[in-house]
Amino acid sequence: MNQNPSVFVVQEMPNHDIAAAMKFGDLKVLLPATAQIAFSTAPTIRTLKRKLMEFSDKDFLLLTGDPVAIGLACSIAAFYNGGRFKVLKWDRRERLYIPIVLDTTEKGERHE
């Protein structure tokens, strides 16, 4: 099992500089830029499940690419990690990534 945090880049974006995300962990691309999710979701789901199987609290998702792929990656990461996952959000003004912790179980915060 890998001890270093990973930053899972949902879909490769050749013209985007994501080097600043490397400070959060090793970059791992989940889907190539050419992936066509709309035509057949099953292969994409299989790929994401295989690549995110060991997703844990130390890891991040970098939400790039097709919105459908982003939704699937978030869902699968949460499934494998007890409803929790972290994302990196780009702050244009500060020009840096901000980590955001998400817990779909609502165990951390409760809003009525």
N, C-alpha and C. Protein backbone atom coordinates (compact mmCIF):
# COMPACT_ATOMS: atom_id res chain seq x y z
N MET A 1 0.84 -1.19 0.00
CA MET A 1 0.00 0.00 0.00
C MET A 1 0.89 1.25 0.00
N ASN A 2 0.55 2.24 -0.80
CA ASN A 2 1.33 3.46 -0.93
C ASN A 2 1.15 4.34 0.30
N GLN A 3 2.26 4.80 0.90
CA GLN A 3 2.21 5.64 2.09
C GLN A 3 2.08 7.12 1.75
N ASN A 4 2.53 7.53 0.58
CA ASN A 4 2.45 8.94 0.19
C ASN A 4 1.03 9.29 -0.22
N PRO A 5 0.59 10.53 0.09
CA PRO A 5 -0.72 10.96 -0.41
C PRO A 5 -0.71 11.00 -1.94
N SER A 6 -1.86 10.76 -2.51
CA SER A 6 -2.02 10.85 -3.96
C SER A 6 -3.02 11.94 -4.29
N VAL A 7 -2.78 12.62 -5.40
CA VAL A 7 -3.74 13.57 -5.96
C VAL A 7 -4.23 12.93 -7.25
N PHE A 8 -5.47 12.47 -7.21
CA PHE A 8 -6.06 11.80 -8.37
C PHE A 8 -6.68 12.85 -9.29
N VAL A 9 -6.06 13.04 -10.45
CA VAL A 9 -6.52 14.00 -11.45
C VAL A 9 -7.61 13.28 -12.24
N VAL A 10 -8.85 13.76 -12.14
CA VAL A 10 -9.97 13.03 -12.73
C VAL A 10 -9.76 12.81 -14.22
N GLN A 11 -9.49 13.87 -14.97
CA GLN A 11 -9.27 13.71 -16.41
C GLN A 11 -8.13 14.62 -16.83
N GLU A 12 -7.24 14.06 -17.61
CA GLU A 12 -6.09 14.80 -18.10
C GLU A 12 -6.55 16.01 -18.91
N MET A 13 -5.94 17.15 -18.63
CA MET A 13 -6.23 18.40 -19.34
C MET A 13 -4.90 18.94 -19.85
N PRO A 14 -4.50 18.59 -21.07
CA PRO A 14 -3.15 18.90 -21.56
C PRO A 14 -2.75 20.38 -21.48
N ASN A 15 -3.69 21.30 -21.61
CA ASN A 15 -3.34 22.72 -21.62
C ASN A 15 -3.49 23.40 -20.26
N HIS A 16 -3.67 22.63 -19.19
CA HIS A 16 -3.80 23.18 -17.84
C HIS A 16 -2.57 22.84 -17.02
N ASP A 17 -2.01 23.85 -16.38
CA ASP A 17 -0.85 23.65 -15.51
C ASP A 17 -1.36 23.31 -14.11
N ILE A 18 -1.16 22.08 -13.70
CA ILE A 18 -1.62 21.62 -12.38
C ILE A 18 -0.44 21.33 -11.45
N ALA A 19 0.71 21.87 -11.79
CA ALA A 19 1.93 21.61 -11.02
C ALA A 19 1.77 21.99 -9.55
N ALA A 20 1.00 23.03 -9.26
CA ALA A 20 0.81 23.47 -7.87
C ALA A 20 0.14 22.38 -7.01
N ALA A 21 -0.55 21.45 -7.63
CA ALA A 21 -1.21 20.36 -6.88
C ALA A 21 -0.20 19.34 -6.36
N MET A 22 1.00 19.34 -6.92
CA MET A 22 2.01 18.35 -6.51
C MET A 22 2.43 18.52 -5.05
N LYS A 23 2.20 19.67 -4.47
CA LYS A 23 2.58 19.85 -3.06
C LYS A 23 1.66 19.04 -2.13
N PHE A 24 0.52 18.57 -2.66
CA PHE A 24 -0.41 17.78 -1.86
C PHE A 24 -0.20 16.28 -2.00
N GLY A 25 0.60 15.86 -2.99
CA GLY A 25 0.85 14.43 -3.18
C GLY A 25 1.27 14.11 -4.60
N ASP A 26 1.45 12.82 -4.85
CA ASP A 26 1.84 12.33 -6.17
C ASP A 26 0.65 12.41 -7.12
N LEU A 27 0.84 13.03 -8.28
CA LEU A 27 -0.25 13.16 -9.26
C LEU A 27 -0.47 11.83 -9.98
N LYS A 28 -1.75 11.43 -10.05
CA LYS A 28 -2.13 10.20 -10.75
C LYS A 28 -3.36 10.50 -11.61
N VAL A 29 -3.21 10.39 -12.90
CA VAL A 29 -4.31 10.68 -13.82
C VAL A 29 -5.24 9.47 -13.88
N LEU A 30 -6.53 9.72 -13.68
CA LEU A 30 -7.53 8.65 -13.72
C LEU A 30 -8.00 8.35 -15.14
N LEU A 31 -8.24 9.40 -15.93
CA LEU A 31 -8.77 9.22 -17.29
C LEU A 31 -7.98 10.08 -18.27
N PRO A 32 -7.73 9.57 -19.48
CA PRO A 32 -7.03 10.38 -20.48
C PRO A 32 -7.93 11.50 -21.01
N ALA A 33 -7.30 12.49 -21.61
CA ALA A 33 -8.05 13.63 -22.16
C ALA A 33 -9.07 13.18 -23.20
N THR A 34 -8.79 12.08 -23.87
CA THR A 34 -9.65 11.62 -24.97
C THR A 34 -10.83 10.75 -24.52
N ALA A 35 -10.96 10.49 -23.23
CA ALA A 35 -12.05 9.62 -22.74
C ALA A 35 -13.41 10.21 -23.10
N GLN A 36 -14.28 9.38 -23.66
CA GLN A 36 -15.63 9.78 -24.04
C GLN A 36 -16.63 9.08 -23.13
N ILE A 37 -16.96 9.69 -22.03
CA ILE A 37 -17.80 9.09 -21.01
C ILE A 37 -19.26 8.95 -21.47
N ALA A 38 -19.75 9.90 -22.25
CA ALA A 38 -21.16 9.93 -22.63
C ALA A 38 -21.60 8.72 -23.45
N PHE A 39 -20.70 8.15 -24.25
CA PHE A 39 -21.09 7.06 -25.14
C PHE A 39 -21.25 5.73 -24.41
N SER A 40 -20.45 5.51 -23.38
CA SER A 40 -20.55 4.27 -22.62
C SER A 40 -19.92 4.49 -21.24
N THR A 41 -20.76 4.49 -20.21
CA THR A 41 -20.25 4.79 -18.87
C THR A 41 -19.60 3.58 -18.19
N ALA A 42 -19.99 2.37 -18.57
CA ALA A 42 -19.49 1.17 -17.88
C ALA A 42 -17.96 1.05 -17.89
N PRO A 43 -17.28 1.23 -19.03
CA PRO A 43 -15.82 1.14 -19.00
C PRO A 43 -15.18 2.22 -18.11
N THR A 44 -15.77 3.41 -18.13
CA THR A 44 -15.24 4.50 -17.29
C THR A 44 -15.41 4.16 -15.82
N ILE A 45 -16.56 3.63 -15.45
CA ILE A 45 -16.81 3.24 -14.06
C ILE A 45 -15.83 2.16 -13.62
N ARG A 46 -15.61 1.17 -14.46
CA ARG A 46 -14.65 0.10 -14.14
C ARG A 46 -13.24 0.67 -13.92
N THR A 47 -12.82 1.56 -14.80
CA THR A 47 -11.50 2.17 -14.68
C THR A 47 -11.38 2.96 -13.39
N LEU A 48 -12.38 3.79 -13.10
CA LEU A 48 -12.34 4.60 -11.89
C LEU A 48 -12.35 3.73 -10.63
N LYS A 49 -13.15 2.67 -10.63
CA LYS A 49 -13.17 1.77 -9.47
C LYS A 49 -11.81 1.13 -9.24
N ARG A 50 -11.19 0.69 -10.32
CA ARG A 50 -9.88 0.05 -10.20
C ARG A 50 -8.83 1.03 -9.68
N LYS A 51 -8.84 2.24 -10.21
CA LYS A 51 -7.81 3.21 -9.85
C LYS A 51 -8.05 3.88 -8.50
N LEU A 52 -9.29 3.90 -8.03
CA LEU A 52 -9.61 4.55 -6.75
C LEU A 52 -9.83 3.55 -5.61
N MET A 53 -9.60 2.28 -5.86
CA MET A 53 -9.88 1.24 -4.88
C MET A 53 -9.22 1.49 -3.52
N GLU A 54 -8.02 2.08 -3.52
CA GLU A 54 -7.32 2.32 -2.26
C GLU A 54 -7.36 3.79 -1.84
N PHE A 55 -8.32 4.54 -2.34
CA PHE A 55 -8.49 5.95 -1.97
C PHE A 55 -8.72 6.03 -0.47
N SER A 56 -8.02 6.96 0.21
CA SER A 56 -8.15 7.09 1.67
C SER A 56 -8.18 8.56 2.09
N ASP A 57 -8.29 8.78 3.39
CA ASP A 57 -8.36 10.14 3.93
C ASP A 57 -7.16 11.00 3.58
N LYS A 58 -6.03 10.40 3.29
CA LYS A 58 -4.82 11.18 2.97
C LYS A 58 -4.81 11.68 1.53
N ASP A 59 -5.67 11.15 0.68
CA ASP A 59 -5.67 11.43 -0.75
C ASP A 59 -6.61 12.58 -1.12
N PHE A 60 -6.42 13.09 -2.33
CA PHE A 60 -7.24 14.17 -2.87
C PHE A 60 -7.72 13.83 -4.27
N LEU A 61 -8.85 14.46 -4.65
CA LEU A 61 -9.30 14.46 -6.04
C LEU A 61 -9.06 15.85 -6.60
N LEU A 62 -8.52 15.92 -7.80
CA LEU A 62 -8.40 17.19 -8.51
C LEU A 62 -9.46 17.15 -9.60
N LEU A 63 -10.48 17.99 -9.45
CA LEU A 63 -11.70 17.90 -10.26
C LEU A 63 -11.54 18.58 -11.61
N THR A 64 -10.93 17.87 -12.54
CA THR A 64 -10.70 18.38 -13.89
C THR A 64 -11.43 17.52 -14.90
N GLY A 65 -11.85 18.14 -16.00
CA GLY A 65 -12.41 17.38 -17.11
C GLY A 65 -13.91 17.33 -17.17
N ASP A 66 -14.41 16.26 -17.73
CA ASP A 66 -15.84 16.04 -17.97
C ASP A 66 -16.60 16.03 -16.64
N PRO A 67 -17.67 16.83 -16.53
CA PRO A 67 -18.45 16.85 -15.29
C PRO A 67 -19.02 15.48 -14.89
N VAL A 68 -19.35 14.65 -15.86
CA VAL A 68 -19.85 13.30 -15.55
C VAL A 68 -18.73 12.47 -14.91
N ALA A 69 -17.52 12.58 -15.45
CA ALA A 69 -16.38 11.87 -14.87
C ALA A 69 -16.08 12.37 -13.46
N ILE A 70 -16.20 13.67 -13.25
CA ILE A 70 -15.97 14.25 -11.93
C ILE A 70 -16.99 13.69 -10.93
N GLY A 71 -18.26 13.67 -11.32
CA GLY A 71 -19.30 13.13 -10.44
C GLY A 71 -19.05 11.67 -10.10
N LEU A 72 -18.68 10.89 -11.10
CA LEU A 72 -18.39 9.47 -10.87
C LEU A 72 -17.19 9.29 -9.93
N ALA A 73 -16.13 10.06 -10.17
CA ALA A 73 -14.93 9.95 -9.34
C ALA A 73 -15.24 10.29 -7.88
N CYS A 74 -16.01 11.34 -7.65
CA CYS A 74 -16.39 11.72 -6.28
C CYS A 74 -17.20 10.61 -5.63
N SER A 75 -18.16 10.08 -6.36
CA SER A 75 -19.03 9.02 -5.84
C SER A 75 -18.22 7.77 -5.49
N ILE A 76 -17.33 7.38 -6.36
CA ILE A 76 -16.54 6.16 -6.16
C ILE A 76 -15.54 6.35 -5.02
N ALA A 77 -14.88 7.51 -4.97
CA ALA A 77 -13.94 7.79 -3.87
C ALA A 77 -14.67 7.75 -2.54
N ALA A 78 -15.85 8.35 -2.47
CA ALA A 78 -16.64 8.34 -1.23
C ALA A 78 -17.04 6.91 -0.86
N PHE A 79 -17.42 6.12 -1.84
CA PHE A 79 -17.82 4.73 -1.60
C PHE A 79 -16.69 3.94 -0.95
N TYR A 80 -15.48 4.08 -1.49
CA TYR A 80 -14.34 3.32 -0.99
C TYR A 80 -13.78 3.87 0.33
N ASN A 81 -14.19 5.08 0.72
CA ASN A 81 -13.61 5.71 1.91
C ASN A 81 -14.66 6.13 2.94
N GLY A 82 -15.67 5.32 3.10
CA GLY A 82 -16.66 5.56 4.15
C GLY A 82 -17.43 6.86 4.02
N GLY A 83 -17.62 7.33 2.79
CA GLY A 83 -18.40 8.54 2.57
C GLY A 83 -17.58 9.82 2.58
N ARG A 84 -16.28 9.71 2.82
CA ARG A 84 -15.42 10.89 2.93
C ARG A 84 -14.45 10.98 1.75
N PHE A 85 -14.19 12.22 1.32
CA PHE A 85 -13.14 12.46 0.34
C PHE A 85 -12.74 13.92 0.39
N LYS A 86 -11.53 14.19 -0.11
CA LYS A 86 -11.02 15.56 -0.15
C LYS A 86 -10.80 15.95 -1.61
N VAL A 87 -11.06 17.23 -1.88
CA VAL A 87 -10.82 17.77 -3.22
C VAL A 87 -9.90 18.98 -3.11
N LEU A 88 -9.28 19.32 -4.21
CA LEU A 88 -8.48 20.53 -4.30
C LEU A 88 -9.23 21.52 -5.18
N LYS A 89 -9.52 22.69 -4.62
CA LYS A 89 -10.23 23.74 -5.35
C LYS A 89 -9.25 24.86 -5.67
N TRP A 90 -9.21 25.26 -6.93
CA TRP A 90 -8.30 26.32 -7.36
C TRP A 90 -8.88 27.67 -6.98
N ASP A 91 -8.10 28.47 -6.27
CA ASP A 91 -8.48 29.84 -5.92
C ASP A 91 -7.77 30.77 -6.91
N ARG A 92 -8.53 31.36 -7.81
CA ARG A 92 -7.94 32.20 -8.86
C ARG A 92 -7.25 33.44 -8.30
N ARG A 93 -7.86 34.01 -7.29
CA ARG A 93 -7.30 35.24 -6.71
C ARG A 93 -5.96 34.98 -6.02
N GLU A 94 -5.91 33.92 -5.22
CA GLU A 94 -4.68 33.59 -4.48
C GLU A 94 -3.71 32.76 -5.32
N ARG A 95 -4.20 32.20 -6.42
CA ARG A 95 -3.42 31.37 -7.33
C ARG A 95 -2.81 30.16 -6.62
N LEU A 96 -3.67 29.45 -5.90
CA LEU A 96 -3.25 28.23 -5.21
C LEU A 96 -4.44 27.32 -5.00
N TYR A 97 -4.14 26.03 -4.70
CA TYR A 97 -5.19 25.07 -4.42
C TYR A 97 -5.54 25.10 -2.95
N ILE A 98 -6.83 25.03 -2.68
CA ILE A 98 -7.33 24.97 -1.31
C ILE A 98 -7.94 23.60 -1.10
N PRO A 99 -7.47 22.86 -0.07
CA PRO A 99 -8.07 21.54 0.19
C PRO A 99 -9.44 21.69 0.86
N ILE A 100 -10.39 20.91 0.40
CA ILE A 100 -11.74 20.90 0.97
C ILE A 100 -12.08 19.47 1.35
N VAL A 101 -12.50 19.28 2.60
CA VAL A 101 -12.87 17.97 3.11
C VAL A 101 -14.39 17.82 2.98
N LEU A 102 -14.83 16.72 2.37
CA LEU A 102 -16.26 16.46 2.19
C LEU A 102 -16.62 15.14 2.86
N ASP A 103 -17.70 15.15 3.59
CA ASP A 103 -18.17 13.95 4.29
C ASP A 103 -19.65 13.76 3.98
N THR A 104 -19.95 12.83 3.10
CA THR A 104 -21.34 12.62 2.68
C THR A 104 -22.20 11.96 3.76
N THR A 105 -21.56 11.49 4.83
CA THR A 105 -22.33 10.88 5.93
C THR A 105 -22.85 11.92 6.91
N GLU A 106 -22.37 13.15 6.80
CA GLU A 106 -22.71 14.25 7.70
C GLU A 106 -22.34 13.98 9.15
N LYS A 107 -21.38 13.12 9.40
CA LYS A 107 -20.97 12.85 10.79
C LYS A 107 -20.15 14.01 11.35
N GLY A 108 -19.49 14.77 10.48
CA GLY A 108 -18.69 15.90 10.94
C GLY A 108 -19.53 17.10 11.29
N GLU A 109 -20.51 17.42 10.47
CA GLU A 109 -21.37 18.57 10.70
C GLU A 109 -22.82 18.13 10.54
N ARG A 110 -23.68 18.75 11.29
CA ARG A 110 -25.10 18.42 11.20
C ARG A 110 -25.91 19.69 11.03
N HIS A 111 -26.65 19.80 9.96
CA HIS A 111 -27.51 20.96 9.71
C HIS A 111 -28.96 20.47 9.67
N GLU A 112 -29.77 21.07 10.44
CA GLU A 112 -31.20 20.69 10.49
C GLU A 112 -32.02 21.66 9.68
